[in-house]
Amino acid sequence: MTEDRDEGLEKRRAQLGAELANKRSEVGGEDASDVRAEVSRKGFAQAIKLSSEFVAAIIVGAVLGYIVDRFVGTAPWGMIILLLLGFAAGVLNVMRSAGMVATPSETDRKGGKD
């Protein structure tokens, strides 16, 4: 009788161990999908940031070019030149934000003089 009881307990313990292992693997899978979703959200936020910086630089260049043309009377040259400068500034901002171009240090800004 004691042997039957011990056998039943061992069987039940093995069954509970298997169920626990299944639950742990399911929870681990959910954690992995949460991590992947978080990485995806961070990538999307970075893309929105970079694109908005690029578009803003172009718009600022175009508006400044329009203002210069309006007050100085150099149409369309002020708009063309400042639009191109805005484009170049936008590309530089995106490259800096992406880490492809280093931000100049203080010594570089001063011309290497201490």
PDB file of N, CA and C in Angstrom:
ATOM      1  N   MET A   1       0.824  -1.171   0.000  1.00  0.00           N
ATOM      2  CA  MET A   1       0.000   0.000   0.000  1.00  0.00           C
ATOM      3  C   MET A   1       0.880   1.251   0.000  1.00  0.00           C
ATOM      4  N   THR A   2       1.943   1.236   0.766  1.00  0.00           N
ATOM      5  CA  THR A   2       2.838   2.377   0.798  1.00  0.00           C
ATOM      6  C   THR A   2       3.563   2.523  -0.536  1.00  0.00           C
ATOM      7  N   GLU A   3       3.857   1.379  -1.155  1.00  0.00           N
ATOM      8  CA  GLU A   3       4.530   1.444  -2.446  1.00  0.00           C
ATOM      9  C   GLU A   3       3.617   2.065  -3.498  1.00  0.00           C
ATOM     10  N   ASP A   4       2.321   1.705  -3.474  1.00  0.00           N
ATOM     11  CA  ASP A   4       1.373   2.286  -4.430  1.00  0.00           C
ATOM     12  C   ASP A   4       1.265   3.801  -4.230  1.00  0.00           C
ATOM     13  N   ARG A   5       1.268   4.176  -2.983  1.00  0.00           N
ATOM     14  CA  ARG A   5       1.167   5.606  -2.674  1.00  0.00           C
ATOM     15  C   ARG A   5       2.428   6.343  -3.148  1.00  0.00           C
ATOM     16  N   ASP A   6       3.609   5.774  -2.890  1.00  0.00           N
ATOM     17  CA  ASP A   6       4.863   6.380  -3.338  1.00  0.00           C
ATOM     18  C   ASP A   6       4.931   6.445  -4.860  1.00  0.00           C
ATOM     19  N   GLU A   7       4.469   5.376  -5.515  1.00  0.00           N
ATOM     20  CA  GLU A   7       4.443   5.362  -6.987  1.00  0.00           C
ATOM     21  C   GLU A   7       3.535   6.452  -7.523  1.00  0.00           C
ATOM     22  N   GLY A   8       2.380   6.626  -6.899  1.00  0.00           N
ATOM     23  CA  GLY A   8       1.428   7.662  -7.318  1.00  0.00           C
ATOM     24  C   GLY A   8       2.003   9.061  -7.115  1.00  0.00           C
ATOM     25  N   LEU A   9       2.699   9.236  -5.994  1.00  0.00           N
ATOM     26  CA  LEU A   9       3.311  10.537  -5.729  1.00  0.00           C
ATOM     27  C   LEU A   9       4.427  10.836  -6.740  1.00  0.00           C
ATOM     28  N   GLU A  10       5.247   9.845  -7.069  1.00  0.00           N
ATOM     29  CA  GLU A  10       6.322  10.038  -8.040  1.00  0.00           C
ATOM     30  C   GLU A  10       5.760  10.344  -9.429  1.00  0.00           C
ATOM     31  N   LYS A  11       4.695   9.645  -9.757  1.00  0.00           N
ATOM     32  CA  LYS A  11       4.047   9.879 -11.051  1.00  0.00           C
ATOM     33  C   LYS A  11       3.490  11.300 -11.110  1.00  0.00           C
ATOM     34  N   ARG A  12       2.848  11.710 -10.037  1.00  0.00           N
ATOM     35  CA  ARG A  12       2.264  13.058  -9.971  1.00  0.00           C
ATOM     36  C   ARG A  12       3.364  14.127 -10.001  1.00  0.00           C
ATOM     37  N   ARG A  13       4.491  13.861  -9.294  1.00  0.00           N
ATOM     38  CA  ARG A  13       5.595  14.802  -9.290  1.00  0.00           C
ATOM     39  C   ARG A  13       6.190  14.952 -10.686  1.00  0.00           C
ATOM     40  N   ALA A  14       6.339  13.869 -11.404  1.00  0.00           N
ATOM     41  CA  ALA A  14       6.870  13.919 -12.771  1.00  0.00           C
ATOM     42  C   ALA A  14       5.922  14.686 -13.689  1.00  0.00           C
ATOM     43  N   GLN A  15       4.620  14.447 -13.520  1.00  0.00           N
ATOM     44  CA  GLN A  15       3.622  15.148 -14.341  1.00  0.00           C
ATOM     45  C   GLN A  15       3.654  16.656 -14.058  1.00  0.00           C
ATOM     46  N   LEU A  16       3.738  17.048 -12.794  1.00  0.00           N
ATOM     47  CA  LEU A  16       3.798  18.464 -12.436  1.00  0.00           C
ATOM     48  C   LEU A  16       5.097  19.105 -12.937  1.00  0.00           C
ATOM     49  N   GLY A  17       6.195  18.344 -12.878  1.00  0.00           N
ATOM     50  CA  GLY A  17       7.467  18.854 -13.395  1.00  0.00           C
ATOM     51  C   GLY A  17       7.394  19.122 -14.888  1.00  0.00           C
ATOM     52  N   ALA A  18       6.733  18.234 -15.626  1.00  0.00           N
ATOM     53  CA  ALA A  18       6.580  18.427 -17.071  1.00  0.00           C
ATOM     54  C   ALA A  18       5.694  19.635 -17.364  1.00  0.00           C
ATOM     55  N   GLU A  19       4.613  19.787 -16.625  1.00  0.00           N
ATOM     56  CA  GLU A  19       3.728  20.939 -16.816  1.00  0.00           C
ATOM     57  C   GLU A  19       4.452  22.250 -16.496  1.00  0.00           C
ATOM     58  N   LEU A  20       5.246  22.225 -15.432  1.00  0.00           N
ATOM     59  CA  LEU A  20       6.016  23.413 -15.054  1.00  0.00           C
ATOM     60  C   LEU A  20       7.037  23.777 -16.131  1.00  0.00           C
ATOM     61  N   ALA A  21       7.685  22.786 -16.703  1.00  0.00           N
ATOM     62  CA  ALA A  21       8.648  23.041 -17.780  1.00  0.00           C
ATOM     63  C   ALA A  21       7.947  23.636 -19.000  1.00  0.00           C
ATOM     64  N   ASN A  22       6.750  23.143 -19.316  1.00  0.00           N
ATOM     65  CA  ASN A  22       5.989  23.696 -20.444  1.00  0.00           C
ATOM     66  C   ASN A  22       5.607  25.153 -20.185  1.00  0.00           C
ATOM     67  N   LYS A  23       5.162  25.444 -18.977  1.00  0.00           N
ATOM     68  CA  LYS A  23       4.787  26.821 -18.637  1.00  0.00           C
ATOM     69  C   LYS A  23       5.992  27.748 -18.716  1.00  0.00           C
ATOM     70  N   ARG A  24       7.138  27.288 -18.234  1.00  0.00           N
ATOM     71  CA  ARG A  24       8.346  28.112 -18.281  1.00  0.00           C
ATOM     72  C   ARG A  24       8.756  28.397 -19.726  1.00  0.00           C
ATOM     73  N   SER A  25       8.648  27.402 -20.588  1.00  0.00           N
ATOM     74  CA  SER A  25       9.016  27.625 -21.992  1.00  0.00           C
ATOM     75  C   SER A  25       8.028  28.581 -22.663  1.00  0.00           C
ATOM     76  N   GLU A  26       6.744  28.509 -22.317  1.00  0.00           N
ATOM     77  CA  GLU A  26       5.756  29.436 -22.878  1.00  0.00           C
ATOM     78  C   GLU A  26       6.033  30.862 -22.425  1.00  0.00           C
ATOM     79  N   VAL A  27       6.342  31.040 -21.146  1.00  0.00           N
ATOM     80  CA  VAL A  27       6.629  32.371 -20.614  1.00  0.00           C
ATOM     81  C   VAL A  27       7.912  32.906 -21.244  1.00  0.00           C
ATOM     82  N   GLY A  28       8.897  32.068 -21.430  1.00  0.00           N
ATOM     83  CA  GLY A  28      10.137  32.483 -22.079  1.00  0.00           C
ATOM     84  C   GLY A  28       9.886  32.931 -23.505  1.00  0.00           C
ATOM     85  N   GLY A  29       8.986  32.278 -24.221  1.00  0.00           N
ATOM     86  CA  GLY A  29       8.631  32.676 -25.576  1.00  0.00           C
ATOM     87  C   GLY A  29       7.927  34.012 -25.600  1.00  0.00           C
ATOM     88  N   GLU A  30       7.074  34.265 -24.618  1.00  0.00           N
ATOM     89  CA  GLU A  30       6.390  35.559 -24.534  1.00  0.00           C
ATOM     90  C   GLU A  30       7.377  36.672 -24.233  1.00  0.00           C
ATOM     91  N   ASP A  31       8.352  36.405 -23.371  1.00  0.00           N
ATOM     92  CA  ASP A  31       9.375  37.409 -23.058  1.00  0.00           C
ATOM     93  C   ASP A  31      10.193  37.749 -24.294  1.00  0.00           C
ATOM     94  N   ALA A  32      10.522  36.745 -25.075  1.00  0.00           N
ATOM     95  CA  ALA A  32      11.300  36.978 -26.289  1.00  0.00           C
ATOM     96  C   ALA A  32      10.513  37.822 -27.280  1.00  0.00           C
ATOM     97  N   SER A  33       9.213  37.569 -27.404  1.00  0.00           N
ATOM     98  CA  SER A  33       8.409  38.373 -28.330  1.00  0.00           C
ATOM     99  C   SER A  33       8.256  39.799 -27.816  1.00  0.00           C
ATOM    100  N   ASP A  34       8.202  39.979 -26.493  1.00  0.00           N
ATOM    101  CA  ASP A  34       8.154  41.326 -25.921  1.00  0.00           C
ATOM    102  C   ASP A  34       9.446  42.081 -26.207  1.00  0.00           C
ATOM    103  N   VAL A  35      10.567  41.390 -26.115  1.00  0.00           N
ATOM    104  CA  VAL A  35      11.856  42.022 -26.388  1.00  0.00           C
ATOM    105  C   VAL A  35      11.946  42.416 -27.859  1.00  0.00           C
ATOM    106  N   ARG A  36      11.501  41.520 -28.743  1.00  0.00           N
ATOM    107  CA  ARG A  36      11.515  41.834 -30.181  1.00  0.00           C
ATOM    108  C   ARG A  36      10.605  43.012 -30.490  1.00  0.00           C
ATOM    109  N   ALA A  37       9.454  43.094 -29.853  1.00  0.00           N
ATOM    110  CA  ALA A  37       8.535  44.208 -30.077  1.00  0.00           C
ATOM    111  C   ALA A  37       9.150  45.511 -29.580  1.00  0.00           C
ATOM    112  N   GLU A  38       9.850  45.466 -28.451  1.00  0.00           N
ATOM    113  CA  GLU A  38      10.497  46.664 -27.917  1.00  0.00           C
ATOM    114  C   GLU A  38      11.594  47.155 -28.853  1.00  0.00           C
ATOM    115  N   VAL A  39      12.374  46.242 -29.399  1.00  0.00           N
ATOM    116  CA  VAL A  39      13.427  46.613 -30.352  1.00  0.00           C
ATOM    117  C   VAL A  39      12.810  47.218 -31.606  1.00  0.00           C
ATOM    118  N   SER A  40      11.710  46.654 -32.044  1.00  0.00           N
ATOM    119  CA  SER A  40      11.024  47.174 -33.232  1.00  0.00           C
ATOM    120  C   SER A  40      10.495  48.580 -32.984  1.00  0.00           C
ATOM    121  N   ARG A  41       9.946  48.819 -31.799  1.00  0.00           N
ATOM    122  CA  ARG A  41       9.444  50.161 -31.467  1.00  0.00           C
ATOM    123  C   ARG A  41      10.578  51.175 -31.399  1.00  0.00           C
ATOM    124  N   LYS A  42      11.710  50.770 -30.848  1.00  0.00           N
ATOM    125  CA  LYS A  42      12.856  51.674 -30.770  1.00  0.00           C
ATOM    126  C   LYS A  42      13.379  52.008 -32.160  1.00  0.00           C
ATOM    127  N   GLY A  43      13.397  51.023 -33.047  1.00  0.00           N
ATOM    128  CA  GLY A  43      13.834  51.265 -34.420  1.00  0.00           C
ATOM    129  C   GLY A  43      12.896  52.206 -35.152  1.00  0.00           C
ATOM    130  N   PHE A  44      11.601  52.030 -34.934  1.00  0.00           N
ATOM    131  CA  PHE A  44      10.613  52.910 -35.569  1.00  0.00           C
ATOM    132  C   PHE A  44      10.758  54.336 -35.055  1.00  0.00           C
ATOM    133  N   ALA A  45      10.971  54.496 -33.768  1.00  0.00           N
ATOM    134  CA  ALA A  45      11.158  55.833 -33.181  1.00  0.00           C
ATOM    135  C   ALA A  45      12.412  56.494 -33.740  1.00  0.00           C
ATOM    136  N   GLN A  46      13.476  55.723 -33.895  1.00  0.00           N
ATOM    137  CA  GLN A  46      14.715  56.262 -34.464  1.00  0.00           C
ATOM    138  C   GLN A  46      14.491  56.690 -35.914  1.00  0.00           C
ATOM    139  N   ALA A  47      13.743  55.915 -36.685  1.00  0.00           N
ATOM    140  CA  ALA A  47      13.465  56.267 -38.078  1.00  0.00           C
ATOM    141  C   ALA A  47      12.644  57.544 -38.177  1.00  0.00           C
ATOM    142  N   ILE A  48      11.657  57.690 -37.311  1.00  0.00           N
ATOM    143  CA  ILE A  48      10.837  58.903 -37.314  1.00  0.00           C
ATOM    144  C   ILE A  48      11.701  60.116 -36.941  1.00  0.00           C
ATOM    145  N   LYS A  49      12.577  59.953 -35.964  1.00  0.00           N
ATOM    146  CA  LYS A  49      13.446  61.050 -35.539  1.00  0.00           C
ATOM    147  C   LYS A  49      14.368  61.489 -36.674  1.00  0.00           C
ATOM    148  N   LEU A  50      14.999  60.528 -37.335  1.00  0.00           N
ATOM    149  CA  LEU A  50      15.924  60.856 -38.411  1.00  0.00           C
ATOM    150  C   LEU A  50      15.214  61.516 -39.587  1.00  0.00           C
ATOM    151  N   SER A  51      14.052  60.995 -39.954  1.00  0.00           N
ATOM    152  CA  SER A  51      13.334  61.575 -41.091  1.00  0.00           C
ATOM    153  C   SER A  51      12.816  62.972 -40.767  1.00  0.00           C
ATOM    154  N   SER A  52      12.374  63.191 -39.537  1.00  0.00           N
ATOM    155  CA  SER A  52      11.885  64.532 -39.189  1.00  0.00           C
ATOM    156  C   SER A  52      13.031  65.547 -39.156  1.00  0.00           C
ATOM    157  N   GLU A  53      14.216  65.139 -38.706  1.00  0.00           N
ATOM    158  CA  GLU A  53      15.371  66.038 -38.738  1.00  0.00           C
ATOM    159  C   GLU A  53      15.739  66.405 -40.173  1.00  0.00           C
ATOM    160  N   PHE A  54      15.691  65.439 -41.056  1.00  0.00           N
ATOM    161  CA  PHE A  54      16.042  65.672 -42.458  1.00  0.00           C
ATOM    162  C   PHE A  54      15.040  66.621 -43.121  1.00  0.00           C
ATOM    163  N   VAL A  55      13.770  66.347 -42.949  1.00  0.00           N
ATOM    164  CA  VAL A  55      12.728  67.178 -43.566  1.00  0.00           C
ATOM    165  C   VAL A  55      12.738  68.581 -42.966  1.00  0.00           C
ATOM    166  N   ALA A  56      12.947  68.709 -41.673  1.00  0.00           N
ATOM    167  CA  ALA A  56      12.969  70.026 -41.031  1.00  0.00           C
ATOM    168  C   ALA A  56      14.105  70.887 -41.577  1.00  0.00           C
ATOM    169  N   ALA A  57      15.277  70.296 -41.790  1.00  0.00           N
ATOM    170  CA  ALA A  57      16.402  71.068 -42.319  1.00  0.00           C
ATOM    171  C   ALA A  57      16.099  71.570 -43.728  1.00  0.00           C
ATOM    172  N   ILE A  58      15.462  70.759 -44.541  1.00  0.00           N
ATOM    173  CA  ILE A  58      15.119  71.181 -45.899  1.00  0.00           C
ATOM    174  C   ILE A  58      14.071  72.286 -45.867  1.00  0.00           C
ATOM    175  N   ILE A  59      13.082  72.157 -45.013  1.00  0.00           N
ATOM    176  CA  ILE A  59      12.027  73.179 -44.924  1.00  0.00           C
ATOM    177  C   ILE A  59      12.606  74.502 -44.428  1.00  0.00           C
ATOM    178  N   VAL A  60      13.483  74.448 -43.441  1.00  0.00           N
ATOM    179  CA  VAL A  60      14.094  75.681 -42.933  1.00  0.00           C
ATOM    180  C   VAL A  60      14.918  76.349 -44.029  1.00  0.00           C
ATOM    181  N   GLY A  61      15.677  75.576 -44.784  1.00  0.00           N
ATOM    182  CA  GLY A  61      16.446  76.135 -45.886  1.00  0.00           C
ATOM    183  C   GLY A  61      15.561  76.783 -46.931  1.00  0.00           C
ATOM    184  N   ALA A  62      14.444  76.140 -47.272  1.00  0.00           N
ATOM    185  CA  ALA A  62      13.519  76.684 -48.275  1.00  0.00           C
ATOM    186  C   ALA A  62      12.865  77.975 -47.773  1.00  0.00           C
ATOM    187  N   VAL A  63      12.451  77.993 -46.523  1.00  0.00           N
ATOM    188  CA  VAL A  63      11.804  79.192 -45.976  1.00  0.00           C
ATOM    189  C   VAL A  63      12.796  80.352 -45.900  1.00  0.00           C
ATOM    190  N   LEU A  64      14.010  80.080 -45.446  1.00  0.00           N
ATOM    191  CA  LEU A  64      15.016  81.144 -45.398  1.00  0.00           C
ATOM    192  C   LEU A  64      15.347  81.644 -46.809  1.00  0.00           C
ATOM    193  N   GLY A  65      15.416  80.738 -47.768  1.00  0.00           N
ATOM    194  CA  GLY A  65      15.663  81.142 -49.150  1.00  0.00           C
ATOM    195  C   GLY A  65      14.546  82.015 -49.694  1.00  0.00           C
ATOM    196  N   TYR A  66      13.323  81.664 -49.376  1.00  0.00           N
ATOM    197  CA  TYR A  66      12.181  82.464 -49.813  1.00  0.00           C
ATOM    198  C   TYR A  66      12.224  83.867 -49.194  1.00  0.00           C
ATOM    199  N   ILE A  67      12.561  83.927 -47.905  1.00  0.00           N
ATOM    200  CA  ILE A  67      12.637  85.223 -47.221  1.00  0.00           C
ATOM    201  C   ILE A  67      13.751  86.083 -47.820  1.00  0.00           C
ATOM    202  N   VAL A  68      14.906  85.477 -48.068  1.00  0.00           N
ATOM    203  CA  VAL A  68      16.012  86.217 -48.668  1.00  0.00           C
ATOM    204  C   VAL A  68      15.605  86.730 -50.053  1.00  0.00           C
ATOM    205  N   ASP A  69      14.983  85.878 -50.854  1.00  0.00           N
ATOM    206  CA  ASP A  69      14.540  86.301 -52.187  1.00  0.00           C
ATOM    207  C   ASP A  69      13.518  87.418 -52.109  1.00  0.00           C
ATOM    208  N   ARG A  70      12.661  87.353 -51.164  1.00  0.00           N
ATOM    209  CA  ARG A  70      11.587  88.341 -51.019  1.00  0.00           C
ATOM    210  C   ARG A  70      12.141  89.719 -50.647  1.00  0.00           C
ATOM    211  N   PHE A  71      13.095  89.748 -49.710  1.00  0.00           N
ATOM    212  CA  PHE A  71      13.599  91.039 -49.236  1.00  0.00           C
ATOM    213  C   PHE A  71      14.758  91.582 -50.073  1.00  0.00           C
ATOM    214  N   VAL A  72      15.594  90.723 -50.623  1.00  0.00           N
ATOM    215  CA  VAL A  72      16.754  91.170 -51.382  1.00  0.00           C
ATOM    216  C   VAL A  72      16.432  91.277 -52.869  1.00  0.00           C
ATOM    217  N   GLY A  73      15.475  90.476 -53.337  1.00  0.00           N
ATOM    218  CA  GLY A  73      15.087  90.510 -54.731  1.00  0.00           C
ATOM    219  C   GLY A  73      15.991  89.688 -55.632  1.00  0.00           C
ATOM    220  N   THR A  74      16.526  88.605 -55.119  1.00  0.00           N
ATOM    221  CA  THR A  74      17.439  87.761 -55.891  1.00  0.00           C
ATOM    222  C   THR A  74      16.768  86.485 -56.392  1.00  0.00           C
ATOM    223  N   ALA A  75      15.461  86.525 -56.581  1.00  0.00           N
ATOM    224  CA  ALA A  75      14.717  85.314 -56.952  1.00  0.00           C
ATOM    225  C   ALA A  75      15.295  84.707 -58.208  1.00  0.00           C
ATOM    226  N   PRO A  76      15.405  83.477 -58.318  1.00  0.00           N
ATOM    227  CA  PRO A  76      15.214  82.326 -57.427  1.00  0.00           C
ATOM    228  C   PRO A  76      16.494  81.862 -56.764  1.00  0.00           C
ATOM    229  N   TRP A  77      17.590  82.643 -56.871  1.00  0.00           N
ATOM    230  CA  TRP A  77      18.894  82.177 -56.434  1.00  0.00           C
ATOM    231  C   TRP A  77      18.997  81.973 -54.926  1.00  0.00           C
ATOM    232  N   GLY A  78      18.422  82.822 -54.141  1.00  0.00           N
ATOM    233  CA  GLY A  78      18.461  82.641 -52.688  1.00  0.00           C
ATOM    234  C   GLY A  78      17.769  81.356 -52.272  1.00  0.00           C
ATOM    235  N   MET A  79      16.631  81.095 -52.908  1.00  0.00           N
ATOM    236  CA  MET A  79      15.885  79.861 -52.612  1.00  0.00           C
ATOM    237  C   MET A  79      16.687  78.626 -53.027  1.00  0.00           C
ATOM    238  N   ILE A  80      17.280  78.654 -54.184  1.00  0.00           N
ATOM    239  CA  ILE A  80      18.042  77.493 -54.674  1.00  0.00           C
ATOM    240  C   ILE A  80      19.236  77.223 -53.770  1.00  0.00           C
ATOM    241  N   ILE A  81      19.998  78.256 -53.468  1.00  0.00           N
ATOM    242  CA  ILE A  81      21.221  78.075 -52.667  1.00  0.00           C
ATOM    243  C   ILE A  81      20.891  77.626 -51.249  1.00  0.00           C
ATOM    244  N   LEU A  82      19.933  78.289 -50.615  1.00  0.00           N
ATOM    245  CA  LEU A  82      19.604  77.909 -49.234  1.00  0.00           C
ATOM    246  C   LEU A  82      18.866  76.579 -49.158  1.00  0.00           C
ATOM    247  N   LEU A  83      18.147  76.218 -50.201  1.00  0.00           N
ATOM    248  CA  LEU A  83      17.518  74.894 -50.234  1.00  0.00           C
ATOM    249  C   LEU A  83      18.586  73.810 -50.311  1.00  0.00           C
ATOM    250  N   LEU A  84      19.606  74.024 -51.125  1.00  0.00           N
ATOM    251  CA  LEU A  84      20.711  73.065 -51.205  1.00  0.00           C
ATOM    252  C   LEU A  84      21.491  73.006 -49.892  1.00  0.00           C
ATOM    253  N   LEU A  85      21.692  74.157 -49.265  1.00  0.00           N
ATOM    254  CA  LEU A  85      22.362  74.160 -47.955  1.00  0.00           C
ATOM    255  C   LEU A  85      21.516  73.436 -46.903  1.00  0.00           C
ATOM    256  N   GLY A  86      20.205  73.611 -46.946  1.00  0.00           N
ATOM    257  CA  GLY A  86      19.316  72.897 -46.028  1.00  0.00           C
ATOM    258  C   GLY A  86      19.373  71.396 -46.248  1.00  0.00           C
ATOM    259  N   PHE A  87      19.448  70.987 -47.520  1.00  0.00           N
ATOM    260  CA  PHE A  87      19.580  69.565 -47.834  1.00  0.00           C
ATOM    261  C   PHE A  87      20.882  69.012 -47.262  1.00  0.00           C
ATOM    262  N   ALA A  88      21.985  69.753 -47.475  1.00  0.00           N
ATOM    263  CA  ALA A  88      23.286  69.306 -46.955  1.00  0.00           C
ATOM    264  C   ALA A  88      23.279  69.243 -45.426  1.00  0.00           C
ATOM    265  N   ALA A  89      22.660  70.240 -44.792  1.00  0.00           N
ATOM    266  CA  ALA A  89      22.574  70.233 -43.328  1.00  0.00           C
ATOM    267  C   ALA A  89      21.724  69.057 -42.840  1.00  0.00           C
ATOM    268  N   GLY A  90      20.651  68.744 -43.555  1.00  0.00           N
ATOM    269  CA  GLY A  90      19.809  67.607 -43.187  1.00  0.00           C
ATOM    270  C   GLY A  90      20.556  66.288 -43.279  1.00  0.00           C
ATOM    271  N   VAL A  91      21.325  66.120 -44.348  1.00  0.00           N
ATOM    272  CA  VAL A  91      22.113  64.896 -44.503  1.00  0.00           C
ATOM    273  C   VAL A  91      23.152  64.797 -43.385  1.00  0.00           C
ATOM    274  N   LEU A  92      23.815  65.897 -43.073  1.00  0.00           N
ATOM    275  CA  LEU A  92      24.817  65.890 -42.004  1.00  0.00           C
ATOM    276  C   LEU A  92      24.180  65.573 -40.645  1.00  0.00           C
ATOM    277  N   ASN A  93      23.017  66.142 -40.364  1.00  0.00           N
ATOM    278  CA  ASN A  93      22.321  65.857 -39.098  1.00  0.00           C
ATOM    279  C   ASN A  93      21.945  64.386 -38.996  1.00  0.00           C
ATOM    280  N   VAL A  94      21.454  63.819 -40.087  1.00  0.00           N
ATOM    281  CA  VAL A  94      21.064  62.409 -40.068  1.00  0.00           C
ATOM    282  C   VAL A  94      22.288  61.533 -39.859  1.00  0.00           C
ATOM    283  N   MET A  95      23.374  61.855 -40.524  1.00  0.00           N
ATOM    284  CA  MET A  95      24.593  61.045 -40.360  1.00  0.00           C
ATOM    285  C   MET A  95      25.148  61.162 -38.943  1.00  0.00           C
ATOM    286  N   ARG A  96      25.071  62.346 -38.348  1.00  0.00           N
ATOM    287  CA  ARG A  96      25.518  62.501 -36.955  1.00  0.00           C
ATOM    288  C   ARG A  96      24.631  61.707 -36.003  1.00  0.00           C
ATOM    289  N   SER A  97      23.331  61.784 -36.209  1.00  0.00           N
ATOM    290  CA  SER A  97      22.408  61.060 -35.328  1.00  0.00           C
ATOM    291  C   SER A  97      22.574  59.552 -35.459  1.00  0.00           C
ATOM    292  N   ALA A  98      22.879  59.095 -36.664  1.00  0.00           N
ATOM    293  CA  ALA A  98      23.062  57.665 -36.890  1.00  0.00           C
ATOM    294  C   ALA A  98      24.429  57.183 -36.423  1.00  0.00           C
ATOM    295  N   GLY A  99      25.319  58.118 -36.076  1.00  0.00           N
ATOM    296  CA  GLY A  99      26.628  57.742 -35.576  1.00  0.00           C
ATOM    297  C   GLY A  99      27.648  57.492 -36.669  1.00  0.00           C
ATOM    298  N   MET A 100      27.365  57.898 -37.890  1.00  0.00           N
ATOM    299  CA  MET A 100      28.292  57.682 -38.985  1.00  0.00           C
ATOM    300  C   MET A 100      29.328  58.800 -39.086  1.00  0.00           C
ATOM    301  N   VAL A 101      29.030  59.958 -38.525  1.00  0.00           N
ATOM    302  CA  VAL A 101      29.951  61.093 -38.514  1.00  0.00           C
ATOM    303  C   VAL A 101      30.090  61.541 -37.065  1.00  0.00           C
ATOM    304  N   ALA A 102      31.317  61.728 -36.624  1.00  0.00           N
ATOM    305  CA  ALA A 102      31.549  62.126 -35.236  1.00  0.00           C
ATOM    306  C   ALA A 102      31.217  63.602 -35.053  1.00  0.00           C
ATOM    307  N   THR A 103      30.691  63.943 -33.904  1.00  0.00           N
ATOM    308  CA  THR A 103      30.447  65.332 -33.550  1.00  0.00           C
ATOM    309  C   THR A 103      31.796  65.977 -33.240  1.00  0.00           C
ATOM    310  N   PRO A 104      32.045  67.175 -33.761  1.00  0.00           N
ATOM    311  CA  PRO A 104      33.356  67.797 -33.513  1.00  0.00           C
ATOM    312  C   PRO A 104      33.571  68.079 -32.031  1.00  0.00           C
ATOM    313  N   SER A 105      34.802  67.867 -31.575  1.00  0.00           N
ATOM    314  CA  SER A 105      35.117  68.108 -30.171  1.00  0.00           C
ATOM    315  C   SER A 105      35.442  69.585 -29.964  1.00  0.00           C
ATOM    316  N   GLU A 106      35.617  69.990 -28.715  1.00  0.00           N
ATOM    317  CA  GLU A 106      35.915  71.387 -28.381  1.00  0.00           C
ATOM    318  C   GLU A 106      37.239  71.823 -28.977  1.00  0.00           C
ATOM    319  N   THR A 107      38.245  70.955 -28.954  1.00  0.00           N
ATOM    320  CA  THR A 107      39.559  71.350 -29.500  1.00  0.00           C
ATOM    321  C   THR A 107      39.484  71.530 -31.003  1.00  0.00           C
ATOM    322  N   ASP A 108      38.668  70.731 -31.686  1.00  0.00           N
ATOM    323  CA  ASP A 108      38.506  70.885 -33.127  1.00  0.00           C
ATOM    324  C   ASP A 108      37.795  72.186 -33.456  1.00  0.00           C
ATOM    325  N   ARG A 109      36.857  72.577 -32.634  1.00  0.00           N
ATOM    326  CA  ARG A 109      36.118  73.815 -32.877  1.00  0.00           C
ATOM    327  C   ARG A 109      37.006  75.043 -32.699  1.00  0.00           C
ATOM    328  N   LYS A 110      37.948  74.952 -31.764  1.00  0.00           N
ATOM    329  CA  LYS A 110      38.836  76.080 -31.487  1.00  0.00           C
ATOM    330  C   LYS A 110      40.005  76.139 -32.465  1.00  0.00           C
ATOM    331  N   GLY A 111      40.092  75.182 -33.353  1.00  0.00           N
ATOM    332  CA  GLY A 111      41.196  75.158 -34.303  1.00  0.00           C
ATOM    333  C   GLY A 111      42.431  74.490 -33.758  1.00  0.00           C
ATOM    334  N   GLY A 112      42.273  73.614 -32.771  1.00  0.00           N
ATOM    335  CA  GLY A 112      43.404  72.880 -32.208  1.00  0.00           C
ATOM    336  C   GLY A 112      44.204  73.659 -31.184  1.00  0.00           C
ATOM    337  N   LYS A 113      43.777  74.867 -30.835  1.00  0.00           N
ATOM    338  CA  LYS A 113      44.508  75.684 -29.863  1.00  0.00           C
ATOM    339  C   LYS A 113      43.938  75.461 -28.476  1.00  0.00           C
ATOM    340  N   ASP A 114      44.781  75.434 -27.483  1.00  0.00           N
ATOM    341  CA  ASP A 114      44.321  75.273 -26.089  1.00  0.00           C
ATOM    342  C   ASP A 114      44.208  76.575 -25.373  1.00  0.00           C
TER     343      ASP A 114
END
